[in-house]
Amino acid sequence: MTRLLLPLILFLGLASPALAQDPASPFAAPGEPVVIGQGYDLPSTILGQTRRINVMLPPGYDDPANKDRRYPVLYLLDGGVEEQDFFHIAGLLHQGGLWGINQPVILVGVASDDRRAELTLPAARKDEQKAYPTHGKADSFRRFLVEELQPRVNAAYRTDGTDGLIGESLAALFVVDVALRHPEDFDRYIAISPSLWWDNQATARLAPELLARPGRPKIRLWLSIADEGGQMQGGMDRLIAALKRDPGNVDWTYRPYPAEQHSTIYHPAATRAIRDLFPPPKE
């Protein structure tokens, strides 16, 4: 993976480069971009398209004193910069790593294209098949992450072999699906307000069977949900009931956020989840 592609730019908070060079600007000279990461276009044979990957390295990564240090990786679904989640997850990860609140982590954001296609498994429900005609390609997207993206990241950066996966809503449904069906793909899973209503709660209904499969590796799973009720909460309740009967292969945490809504839960829940699953090294 080359580092010679386009930088991600967050210019003076909310200002754009065009505004910064406005003659009416109170500043005497055009500003300089503030770079928080790098963006790469990664061709995928599995997906049959090029996908944007955004990377932020932890504080101190390029310090010569840390040249032998290796880092865990957190893969962020919906990890684009246009109305997606790269900037705000990068911000909390950077702050936590800088001040020793969480372990320094390499963040790899995977921009979404067609979310209903790449984050869902095939649905048996006819109404969902009709409403979401492109759905059901989650396994191809999972294979892209594991077979194409992870090896490139491991070759390009000083990774330590620990991989996390984080997502919210449909992306969190994908996180839960992978944790249950393919636990070997990642080590730490963060699912915030997962859309467990999908396909009549199929993922949650299958959880007891999937958790009982022999030879499952040990994983950590962090779950949360906002004050959403209905099929969302019903699916979560089914999943938690199954986890309570798990023989011990899943080290799981469940933290409801009843004061938050679906649109507000991500930042506070992600902050807590990252601190729990990537705690700072003990002195």
C-alpha atoms as a PDB file:
ATOM      1  CA  MET A   1       0.000   0.000   0.000  1.00  0.00           C
ATOM      2  CA  THR A   2       1.652   3.201  -1.092  1.00  0.00           C
ATOM      3  CA  ARG A   3       1.559   6.374   0.942  1.00  0.00           C
ATOM      4  CA  LEU A   4       1.720   8.636  -2.094  1.00  0.00           C
ATOM      5  CA  LEU A   5      -2.013   9.124  -2.604  1.00  0.00           C
ATOM      6  CA  LEU A   6      -4.320  11.917  -1.547  1.00  0.00           C
ATOM      7  CA  PRO A   7      -4.220  13.218   2.032  1.00  0.00           C
ATOM      8  CA  LEU A   8      -7.365  13.624   4.034  1.00  0.00           C
ATOM      9  CA  ILE A   9      -7.773  17.286   4.875  1.00  0.00           C
ATOM     10  CA  LEU A  10      -9.684  18.885   7.677  1.00  0.00           C
ATOM     11  CA  PHE A  11      -9.026  22.561   7.072  1.00  0.00           C
ATOM     12  CA  LEU A  12      -9.275  24.819  10.127  1.00  0.00           C
ATOM     13  CA  GLY A  13     -12.202  22.944  11.607  1.00  0.00           C
ATOM     14  CA  LEU A  14     -15.153  23.646   9.306  1.00  0.00           C
ATOM     15  CA  ALA A  15     -13.555  26.003   6.790  1.00  0.00           C
ATOM     16  CA  SER A  16     -12.738  24.847   3.274  1.00  0.00           C
ATOM     17  CA  PRO A  17      -9.520  25.683   1.354  1.00  0.00           C
ATOM     18  CA  ALA A  18     -11.559  27.919  -0.951  1.00  0.00           C
ATOM     19  CA  LEU A  19     -12.854  29.964   1.968  1.00  0.00           C
ATOM     20  CA  ALA A  20      -9.366  30.227   3.434  1.00  0.00           C
ATOM     21  CA  GLN A  21      -8.132  32.076   0.329  1.00  0.00           C
ATOM     22  CA  ASP A  22     -11.086  34.444   0.198  1.00  0.00           C
ATOM     23  CA  PRO A  23      -9.745  38.038  -0.168  1.00  0.00           C
ATOM     24  CA  ALA A  24     -12.186  39.046   2.557  1.00  0.00           C
ATOM     25  CA  SER A  25     -10.542  36.654   5.031  1.00  0.00           C
ATOM     26  CA  PRO A  26      -9.114  38.351   8.125  1.00  0.00           C
ATOM     27  CA  PHE A  27      -5.939  36.304   7.717  1.00  0.00           C
ATOM     28  CA  ALA A  28      -3.057  37.779   5.729  1.00  0.00           C
ATOM     29  CA  ALA A  29      -2.092  34.585   3.916  1.00  0.00           C
ATOM     30  CA  PRO A  30      -3.835  31.420   2.781  1.00  0.00           C
ATOM     31  CA  GLY A  31      -3.841  28.752   5.431  1.00  0.00           C
ATOM     32  CA  GLU A  32      -2.196  25.370   5.471  1.00  0.00           C
ATOM     33  CA  PRO A  33      -4.084  22.064   5.492  1.00  0.00           C
ATOM     34  CA  VAL A  34      -4.336  20.151   8.751  1.00  0.00           C
ATOM     35  CA  VAL A  35      -3.752  16.491   7.824  1.00  0.00           C
ATOM     36  CA  ILE A  36      -5.109  13.830  10.154  1.00  0.00           C
ATOM     37  CA  GLY A  37      -4.640  10.800   7.909  1.00  0.00           C
ATOM     38  CA  GLN A  38      -4.133   9.444   4.435  1.00  0.00           C
ATOM     39  CA  GLY A  39      -6.680   8.250   1.897  1.00  0.00           C
ATOM     40  CA  TYR A  40      -6.034   5.384  -0.516  1.00  0.00           C
ATOM     41  CA  ASP A  41      -7.958   3.903  -3.423  1.00  0.00           C
ATOM     42  CA  LEU A  42      -7.669   0.130  -3.084  1.00  0.00           C
ATOM     43  CA  PRO A  43      -8.718  -2.017  -6.074  1.00  0.00           C
ATOM     44  CA  SER A  44     -10.670  -5.100  -5.010  1.00  0.00           C
ATOM     45  CA  THR A  45     -11.027  -8.237  -7.071  1.00  0.00           C
ATOM     46  CA  ILE A  46     -13.657  -9.578  -4.677  1.00  0.00           C
ATOM     47  CA  LEU A  47     -15.843  -6.467  -4.841  1.00  0.00           C
ATOM     48  CA  GLY A  48     -15.089  -5.743  -8.491  1.00  0.00           C
ATOM     49  CA  GLN A  49     -14.476  -2.071  -7.714  1.00  0.00           C
ATOM     50  CA  THR A  50     -12.045   0.351  -6.112  1.00  0.00           C
ATOM     51  CA  ARG A  51     -12.761   1.221  -2.491  1.00  0.00           C
ATOM     52  CA  ARG A  52     -11.573   4.268  -0.549  1.00  0.00           C
ATOM     53  CA  ILE A  53      -9.579   3.393   2.574  1.00  0.00           C
ATOM     54  CA  ASN A  54      -8.727   6.113   5.118  1.00  0.00           C
ATOM     55  CA  VAL A  55      -5.905   5.581   7.609  1.00  0.00           C
ATOM     56  CA  MET A  56      -4.899   7.473  10.745  1.00  0.00           C
ATOM     57  CA  LEU A  57      -1.727   6.460  12.548  1.00  0.00           C
ATOM     58  CA  PRO A  58      -1.565   6.851  16.337  1.00  0.00           C
ATOM     59  CA  PRO A  59       0.366   9.645  18.078  1.00  0.00           C
ATOM     60  CA  GLY A  60       4.079   8.894  18.101  1.00  0.00           C
ATOM     61  CA  TYR A  61       3.954   6.294  15.332  1.00  0.00           C
ATOM     62  CA  ASP A  62       6.678   8.062  13.292  1.00  0.00           C
ATOM     63  CA  ASP A  63       8.836   8.950  16.304  1.00  0.00           C
ATOM     64  CA  PRO A  64      12.215   7.202  15.884  1.00  0.00           C
ATOM     65  CA  ALA A  65      11.986   6.199  19.531  1.00  0.00           C
ATOM     66  CA  ASN A  66       8.980   4.033  18.610  1.00  0.00           C
ATOM     67  CA  LYS A  67      10.467   2.436  15.499  1.00  0.00           C
ATOM     68  CA  ASP A  68      10.151  -1.054  16.977  1.00  0.00           C
ATOM     69  CA  ARG A  69       6.726  -0.557  18.530  1.00  0.00           C
ATOM     70  CA  ARG A  70       3.771  -2.389  17.009  1.00  0.00           C
ATOM     71  CA  TYR A  71       0.107  -1.418  17.239  1.00  0.00           C
ATOM     72  CA  PRO A  72      -3.386  -2.944  17.146  1.00  0.00           C
ATOM     73  CA  VAL A  73      -5.680  -2.044  14.262  1.00  0.00           C
ATOM     74  CA  LEU A  74      -9.298  -0.920  14.466  1.00  0.00           C
ATOM     75  CA  TYR A  75     -11.255  -1.336  11.224  1.00  0.00           C
ATOM     76  CA  LEU A  76     -14.043   1.238  10.998  1.00  0.00           C
ATOM     77  CA  LEU A  77     -17.097   0.471   8.862  1.00  0.00           C
ATOM     78  CA  ASP A  78     -18.757   3.518   7.265  1.00  0.00           C
ATOM     79  CA  GLY A  79     -15.230   4.903   7.427  1.00  0.00           C
ATOM     80  CA  GLY A  80     -15.520   7.532   4.713  1.00  0.00           C
ATOM     81  CA  VAL A  81     -15.300  11.291   5.229  1.00  0.00           C
ATOM     82  CA  GLU A  82     -18.448  12.390   3.410  1.00  0.00           C
ATOM     83  CA  GLU A  83     -21.315  11.991   5.904  1.00  0.00           C
ATOM     84  CA  GLN A  84     -19.591   8.934   7.348  1.00  0.00           C
ATOM     85  CA  ASP A  85     -17.650   8.320  10.546  1.00  0.00           C
ATOM     86  CA  PHE A  86     -13.910   8.612   9.954  1.00  0.00           C
ATOM     87  CA  PHE A  87     -13.387  12.073  11.428  1.00  0.00           C
ATOM     88  CA  HIS A  88     -15.218  11.653  14.710  1.00  0.00           C
ATOM     89  CA  ILE A  89     -13.849   8.183  15.485  1.00  0.00           C
ATOM     90  CA  ALA A  90     -10.354   9.372  14.517  1.00  0.00           C
ATOM     91  CA  GLY A  91     -10.718  12.321  16.887  1.00  0.00           C
ATOM     92  CA  LEU A  92     -11.638  10.285  19.939  1.00  0.00           C
ATOM     93  CA  LEU A  93      -9.001   7.633  19.179  1.00  0.00           C
ATOM     94  CA  HIS A  94      -6.301  10.274  18.755  1.00  0.00           C
ATOM     95  CA  GLN A  95      -7.222  12.048  21.990  1.00  0.00           C
ATOM     96  CA  GLY A  96      -7.364   8.801  23.943  1.00  0.00           C
ATOM     97  CA  GLY A  97      -4.022   7.628  22.591  1.00  0.00           C
ATOM     98  CA  LEU A  98      -2.372  10.986  23.202  1.00  0.00           C
ATOM     99  CA  TRP A  99      -3.433  11.186  26.854  1.00  0.00           C
ATOM    100  CA  GLY A 100      -3.126   7.518  27.714  1.00  0.00           C
ATOM    101  CA  ILE A 101      -6.879   6.965  28.047  1.00  0.00           C
ATOM    102  CA  ASN A 102      -6.750   4.140  25.528  1.00  0.00           C
ATOM    103  CA  GLN A 103      -3.999   2.210  23.813  1.00  0.00           C
ATOM    104  CA  PRO A 104      -2.556   3.879  20.681  1.00  0.00           C
ATOM    105  CA  VAL A 105      -4.371   2.260  17.736  1.00  0.00           C
ATOM    106  CA  ILE A 106      -4.062   2.351  13.943  1.00  0.00           C
ATOM    107  CA  LEU A 107      -7.449   3.365  12.539  1.00  0.00           C
ATOM    108  CA  VAL A 108      -8.463   2.006   9.121  1.00  0.00           C
ATOM    109  CA  GLY A 109     -11.710   3.487   7.828  1.00  0.00           C
ATOM    110  CA  VAL A 110     -13.475   1.626   5.032  1.00  0.00           C
ATOM    111  CA  ALA A 111     -15.787   3.932   3.084  1.00  0.00           C
ATOM    112  CA  SER A 112     -19.259   2.523   2.456  1.00  0.00           C
ATOM    113  CA  ASP A 113     -20.777   2.384  -0.999  1.00  0.00           C
ATOM    114  CA  ASP A 114     -24.148   0.608  -0.963  1.00  0.00           C
ATOM    115  CA  ARG A 115     -24.683  -0.027   2.754  1.00  0.00           C
ATOM    116  CA  ARG A 116     -27.741  -2.244   2.341  1.00  0.00           C
ATOM    117  CA  ALA A 117     -25.794  -4.430  -0.070  1.00  0.00           C
ATOM    118  CA  GLU A 118     -22.495  -4.826   1.715  1.00  0.00           C
ATOM    119  CA  LEU A 119     -23.669  -4.852   5.346  1.00  0.00           C
ATOM    120  CA  THR A 120     -26.551  -7.367   5.134  1.00  0.00           C
ATOM    121  CA  LEU A 121     -26.862 -11.087   4.548  1.00  0.00           C
ATOM    122  CA  PRO A 122     -29.592 -12.380   2.208  1.00  0.00           C
ATOM    123  CA  ALA A 123     -33.052 -11.903   3.720  1.00  0.00           C
ATOM    124  CA  ALA A 124     -35.804 -14.514   3.668  1.00  0.00           C
ATOM    125  CA  ARG A 125     -38.497 -11.881   4.111  1.00  0.00           C
ATOM    126  CA  LYS A 126     -40.135 -10.990   0.790  1.00  0.00           C
ATOM    127  CA  ASP A 127     -40.871  -7.406   1.814  1.00  0.00           C
ATOM    128  CA  GLU A 128     -37.205  -6.758   2.597  1.00  0.00           C
ATOM    129  CA  GLN A 129     -36.113  -8.416  -0.638  1.00  0.00           C
ATOM    130  CA  LYS A 130     -38.408  -6.038  -2.513  1.00  0.00           C
ATOM    131  CA  ALA A 131     -37.543  -2.918  -0.484  1.00  0.00           C
ATOM    132  CA  TYR A 132     -33.779  -3.515  -0.675  1.00  0.00           C
ATOM    133  CA  PRO A 133     -33.126  -5.174  -4.044  1.00  0.00           C
ATOM    134  CA  THR A 134     -29.325  -4.915  -3.802  1.00  0.00           C
ATOM    135  CA  HIS A 135     -29.094  -6.424  -0.309  1.00  0.00           C
ATOM    136  CA  GLY A 136     -27.334  -9.602   0.780  1.00  0.00           C
ATOM    137  CA  LYS A 137     -23.681  -9.155  -0.219  1.00  0.00           C
ATOM    138  CA  ALA A 138     -22.198  -9.022   3.288  1.00  0.00           C
ATOM    139  CA  ASP A 139     -20.083 -12.133   2.851  1.00  0.00           C
ATOM    140  CA  SER A 140     -18.298 -10.690  -0.182  1.00  0.00           C
ATOM    141  CA  PHE A 141     -17.621  -7.516   1.773  1.00  0.00           C
ATOM    142  CA  ARG A 142     -16.321  -9.573   4.711  1.00  0.00           C
ATOM    143  CA  ARG A 143     -13.978 -11.453   2.394  1.00  0.00           C
ATOM    144  CA  PHE A 144     -12.701  -8.152   1.013  1.00  0.00           C
ATOM    145  CA  LEU A 145     -11.858  -7.001   4.538  1.00  0.00           C
ATOM    146  CA  VAL A 146     -10.125 -10.234   5.534  1.00  0.00           C
ATOM    147  CA  GLU A 147      -8.518 -11.435   2.308  1.00  0.00           C
ATOM    148  CA  GLU A 148      -7.574  -8.174   0.603  1.00  0.00           C
ATOM    149  CA  LEU A 149      -7.513  -5.294   3.085  1.00  0.00           C
ATOM    150  CA  GLN A 150      -6.020  -6.867   6.220  1.00  0.00           C
ATOM    151  CA  PRO A 151      -2.941  -8.256   4.413  1.00  0.00           C
ATOM    152  CA  ARG A 152      -2.265  -4.856   2.816  1.00  0.00           C
ATOM    153  CA  VAL A 153      -2.535  -3.085   6.157  1.00  0.00           C
ATOM    154  CA  ASN A 154      -0.268  -5.613   7.859  1.00  0.00           C
ATOM    155  CA  ALA A 155       2.316  -5.228   5.094  1.00  0.00           C
ATOM    156  CA  ALA A 156       2.265  -1.428   5.191  1.00  0.00           C
ATOM    157  CA  TYR A 157       2.235  -0.736   8.942  1.00  0.00           C
ATOM    158  CA  ARG A 158       3.713  -2.044  12.189  1.00  0.00           C
ATOM    159  CA  THR A 159       0.689  -4.034  13.331  1.00  0.00           C
ATOM    160  CA  ASP A 160       0.751  -6.343  16.361  1.00  0.00           C
ATOM    161  CA  GLY A 161      -1.751  -8.953  15.152  1.00  0.00           C
ATOM    162  CA  THR A 162      -4.726  -7.597  17.112  1.00  0.00           C
ATOM    163  CA  ASP A 163      -7.639  -6.560  14.873  1.00  0.00           C
ATOM    164  CA  GLY A 164     -10.854  -4.842  15.931  1.00  0.00           C
ATOM    165  CA  LEU A 165     -14.045  -4.123  13.978  1.00  0.00           C
ATOM    166  CA  ILE A 166     -16.450  -1.294  14.827  1.00  0.00           C
ATOM    167  CA  GLY A 167     -19.757  -0.159  13.355  1.00  0.00           C
ATOM    168  CA  GLU A 168     -23.110   1.411  14.156  1.00  0.00           C
ATOM    169  CA  SER A 169     -26.636   0.548  12.963  1.00  0.00           C
ATOM    170  CA  LEU A 170     -26.463  -1.649   9.821  1.00  0.00           C
ATOM    171  CA  ALA A 171     -22.676  -1.664  10.172  1.00  0.00           C
ATOM    172  CA  ALA A 172     -23.136  -2.955  13.724  1.00  0.00           C
ATOM    173  CA  LEU A 173     -25.404  -5.721  12.408  1.00  0.00           C
ATOM    174  CA  PHE A 174     -22.493  -6.687  10.149  1.00  0.00           C
ATOM    175  CA  VAL A 175     -20.156  -6.648  13.168  1.00  0.00           C
ATOM    176  CA  VAL A 176     -22.444  -9.011  15.091  1.00  0.00           C
ATOM    177  CA  ASP A 177     -22.858 -11.306  12.077  1.00  0.00           C
ATOM    178  CA  VAL A 178     -19.092 -11.626  11.657  1.00  0.00           C
ATOM    179  CA  ALA A 179     -18.537 -12.119  15.392  1.00  0.00           C
ATOM    180  CA  LEU A 180     -21.048 -14.996  15.419  1.00  0.00           C
ATOM    181  CA  ARG A 181     -20.341 -16.641  12.058  1.00  0.00           C
ATOM    182  CA  HIS A 182     -16.630 -15.916  11.517  1.00  0.00           C
ATOM    183  CA  PRO A 183     -15.137 -15.103  14.921  1.00  0.00           C
ATOM    184  CA  GLU A 184     -11.641 -15.889  13.665  1.00  0.00           C
ATOM    185  CA  ASP A 185     -11.662 -12.846  11.358  1.00  0.00           C
ATOM    186  CA  PHE A 186     -11.128 -10.279  14.137  1.00  0.00           C
ATOM    187  CA  ASP A 187     -10.296 -10.298  17.833  1.00  0.00           C
ATOM    188  CA  ARG A 188     -12.411  -7.428  19.193  1.00  0.00           C
ATOM    189  CA  TYR A 189     -15.872  -6.460  18.002  1.00  0.00           C
ATOM    190  CA  ILE A 190     -17.798  -3.246  18.759  1.00  0.00           C
ATOM    191  CA  ALA A 191     -21.479  -3.126  17.720  1.00  0.00           C
ATOM    192  CA  ILE A 192     -23.389   0.051  18.562  1.00  0.00           C
ATOM    193  CA  SER A 193     -27.182  -0.015  18.120  1.00  0.00           C
ATOM    194  CA  PRO A 194     -27.030  -2.978  15.705  1.00  0.00           C
ATOM    195  CA  SER A 195     -29.978  -3.286  13.290  1.00  0.00           C
ATOM    196  CA  LEU A 196     -30.957  -6.683  14.671  1.00  0.00           C
ATOM    197  CA  TRP A 197     -34.486  -6.180  13.329  1.00  0.00           C
ATOM    198  CA  TRP A 198     -33.156  -7.240   9.914  1.00  0.00           C
ATOM    199  CA  ASP A 199     -34.851 -10.316   8.431  1.00  0.00           C
ATOM    200  CA  ASN A 200     -37.119 -10.877  11.429  1.00  0.00           C
ATOM    201  CA  GLN A 201     -34.169 -10.834  13.860  1.00  0.00           C
ATOM    202  CA  ALA A 202     -32.492 -13.697  11.981  1.00  0.00           C
ATOM    203  CA  THR A 203     -29.023 -13.023  13.397  1.00  0.00           C
ATOM    204  CA  ALA A 204     -30.222 -12.966  16.998  1.00  0.00           C
ATOM    205  CA  ARG A 205     -32.430 -16.048  16.461  1.00  0.00           C
ATOM    206  CA  LEU A 206     -29.438 -18.011  15.128  1.00  0.00           C
ATOM    207  CA  ALA A 207     -27.102 -16.825  17.880  1.00  0.00           C
ATOM    208  CA  PRO A 208     -27.537 -19.869  20.186  1.00  0.00           C
ATOM    209  CA  GLU A 209     -26.695 -22.270  17.356  1.00  0.00           C
ATOM    210  CA  LEU A 210     -23.746 -20.204  16.135  1.00  0.00           C
ATOM    211  CA  LEU A 211     -22.315 -19.758  19.618  1.00  0.00           C
ATOM    212  CA  ALA A 212     -22.497 -23.508  20.216  1.00  0.00           C
ATOM    213  CA  ARG A 213     -20.293 -24.407  17.253  1.00  0.00           C
ATOM    214  CA  PRO A 214     -17.185 -26.302  18.419  1.00  0.00           C
ATOM    215  CA  GLY A 215     -13.731 -24.836  18.047  1.00  0.00           C
ATOM    216  CA  ARG A 216     -14.733 -21.179  18.262  1.00  0.00           C
ATOM    217  CA  PRO A 217     -11.801 -18.886  19.118  1.00  0.00           C
ATOM    218  CA  LYS A 218     -12.025 -16.565  22.097  1.00  0.00           C
ATOM    219  CA  ILE A 219     -13.207 -13.074  21.141  1.00  0.00           C
ATOM    220  CA  ARG A 220     -14.312  -9.870  22.865  1.00  0.00           C
ATOM    221  CA  LEU A 221     -17.682  -8.379  21.928  1.00  0.00           C
ATOM    222  CA  TRP A 222     -18.907  -4.960  23.098  1.00  0.00           C
ATOM    223  CA  LEU A 223     -22.592  -4.162  22.563  1.00  0.00           C
ATOM    224  CA  SER A 224     -24.760  -1.125  23.187  1.00  0.00           C
ATOM    225  CA  ILE A 225     -28.150   0.226  22.161  1.00  0.00           C
ATOM    226  CA  ALA A 226     -29.981   3.530  22.443  1.00  0.00           C
ATOM    227  CA  ASP A 227     -33.539   4.088  23.676  1.00  0.00           C
ATOM    228  CA  GLU A 228     -35.031   2.539  20.535  1.00  0.00           C
ATOM    229  CA  GLY A 229     -37.381  -0.232  21.606  1.00  0.00           C
ATOM    230  CA  GLY A 230     -39.337  -2.408  19.164  1.00  0.00           C
ATOM    231  CA  GLN A 231     -37.534  -4.899  16.951  1.00  0.00           C
ATOM    232  CA  MET A 232     -34.177  -3.249  17.670  1.00  0.00           C
ATOM    233  CA  GLN A 233     -34.418  -3.897  21.410  1.00  0.00           C
ATOM    234  CA  GLY A 234     -36.126  -7.244  20.847  1.00  0.00           C
ATOM    235  CA  GLY A 235     -33.233  -8.447  18.722  1.00  0.00           C
ATOM    236  CA  MET A 236     -30.721  -7.233  21.287  1.00  0.00           C
ATOM    237  CA  ASP A 237     -32.586  -9.007  24.092  1.00  0.00           C
ATOM    238  CA  ARG A 238     -32.466 -12.275  22.115  1.00  0.00           C
ATOM    239  CA  LEU A 239     -28.746 -11.864  21.515  1.00  0.00           C
ATOM    240  CA  ILE A 240     -27.989 -11.103  25.160  1.00  0.00           C
ATOM    241  CA  ALA A 241     -30.011 -14.148  26.246  1.00  0.00           C
ATOM    242  CA  ALA A 242     -27.907 -16.309  23.922  1.00  0.00           C
ATOM    243  CA  LEU A 243     -24.651 -14.788  25.189  1.00  0.00           C
ATOM    244  CA  LYS A 244     -25.662 -15.546  28.771  1.00  0.00           C
ATOM    245  CA  ARG A 245     -25.751 -19.225  27.802  1.00  0.00           C
ATOM    246  CA  ASP A 246     -22.432 -19.076  25.920  1.00  0.00           C
ATOM    247  CA  PRO A 247     -19.914 -21.646  27.231  1.00  0.00           C
ATOM    248  CA  GLY A 248     -17.215 -18.977  27.564  1.00  0.00           C
ATOM    249  CA  ASN A 249     -15.847 -18.269  24.090  1.00  0.00           C
ATOM    250  CA  VAL A 250     -17.148 -14.695  24.074  1.00  0.00           C
ATOM    251  CA  ASP A 251     -15.964 -12.125  26.587  1.00  0.00           C
ATOM    252  CA  TRP A 252     -18.920  -9.781  26.156  1.00  0.00           C
ATOM    253  CA  THR A 253     -20.053  -6.424  27.487  1.00  0.00           C
ATOM    254  CA  TYR A 254     -23.516  -4.900  27.143  1.00  0.00           C
ATOM    255  CA  ARG A 255     -24.005  -1.208  27.948  1.00  0.00           C
ATOM    256  CA  PRO A 256     -27.440   0.270  27.138  1.00  0.00           C
ATOM    257  CA  TYR A 257     -27.636   4.038  26.634  1.00  0.00           C
ATOM    258  CA  PRO A 258     -31.305   4.810  27.432  1.00  0.00           C
ATOM    259  CA  ALA A 259     -30.701   8.585  27.402  1.00  0.00           C
ATOM    260  CA  GLU A 260     -29.425   8.494  23.805  1.00  0.00           C
ATOM    261  CA  GLN A 261     -31.203   8.139  20.470  1.00  0.00           C
ATOM    262  CA  HIS A 262     -30.106   6.205  17.390  1.00  0.00           C
ATOM    263  CA  SER A 263     -28.685   9.429  15.980  1.00  0.00           C
ATOM    264  CA  THR A 264     -26.725  10.379  19.118  1.00  0.00           C
ATOM    265  CA  ILE A 265     -25.385   7.157  20.616  1.00  0.00           C
ATOM    266  CA  TYR A 266     -22.343   6.549  18.445  1.00  0.00           C
ATOM    267  CA  HIS A 267     -19.854   9.009  19.909  1.00  0.00           C
ATOM    268  CA  PRO A 268     -20.397   8.330  23.645  1.00  0.00           C
ATOM    269  CA  ALA A 269     -20.698   4.580  23.154  1.00  0.00           C
ATOM    270  CA  ALA A 270     -17.631   4.360  20.889  1.00  0.00           C
ATOM    271  CA  THR A 271     -15.593   6.352  23.404  1.00  0.00           C
ATOM    272  CA  ARG A 272     -16.461   3.883  26.172  1.00  0.00           C
ATOM    273  CA  ALA A 273     -16.030   0.813  23.952  1.00  0.00           C
ATOM    274  CA  ILE A 274     -12.559   1.817  22.756  1.00  0.00           C
ATOM    275  CA  ARG A 275     -11.443   2.482  26.314  1.00  0.00           C
ATOM    276  CA  ASP A 276     -12.777  -0.903  27.416  1.00  0.00           C
ATOM    277  CA  LEU A 277     -11.388  -2.995  24.540  1.00  0.00           C
ATOM    278  CA  PHE A 278      -8.129  -1.081  23.960  1.00  0.00           C
ATOM    279  CA  PRO A 279      -7.095  -0.063  27.469  1.00  0.00           C
ATOM    280  CA  PRO A 280      -3.733   1.638  27.948  1.00  0.00           C
ATOM    281  CA  PRO A 281      -0.808  -0.654  28.785  1.00  0.00           C
ATOM    282  CA  LYS A 282      -0.279  -1.246  32.468  1.00  0.00           C
ATOM    283  CA  GLU A 283       2.790   0.424  33.899  1.00  0.00           C
END
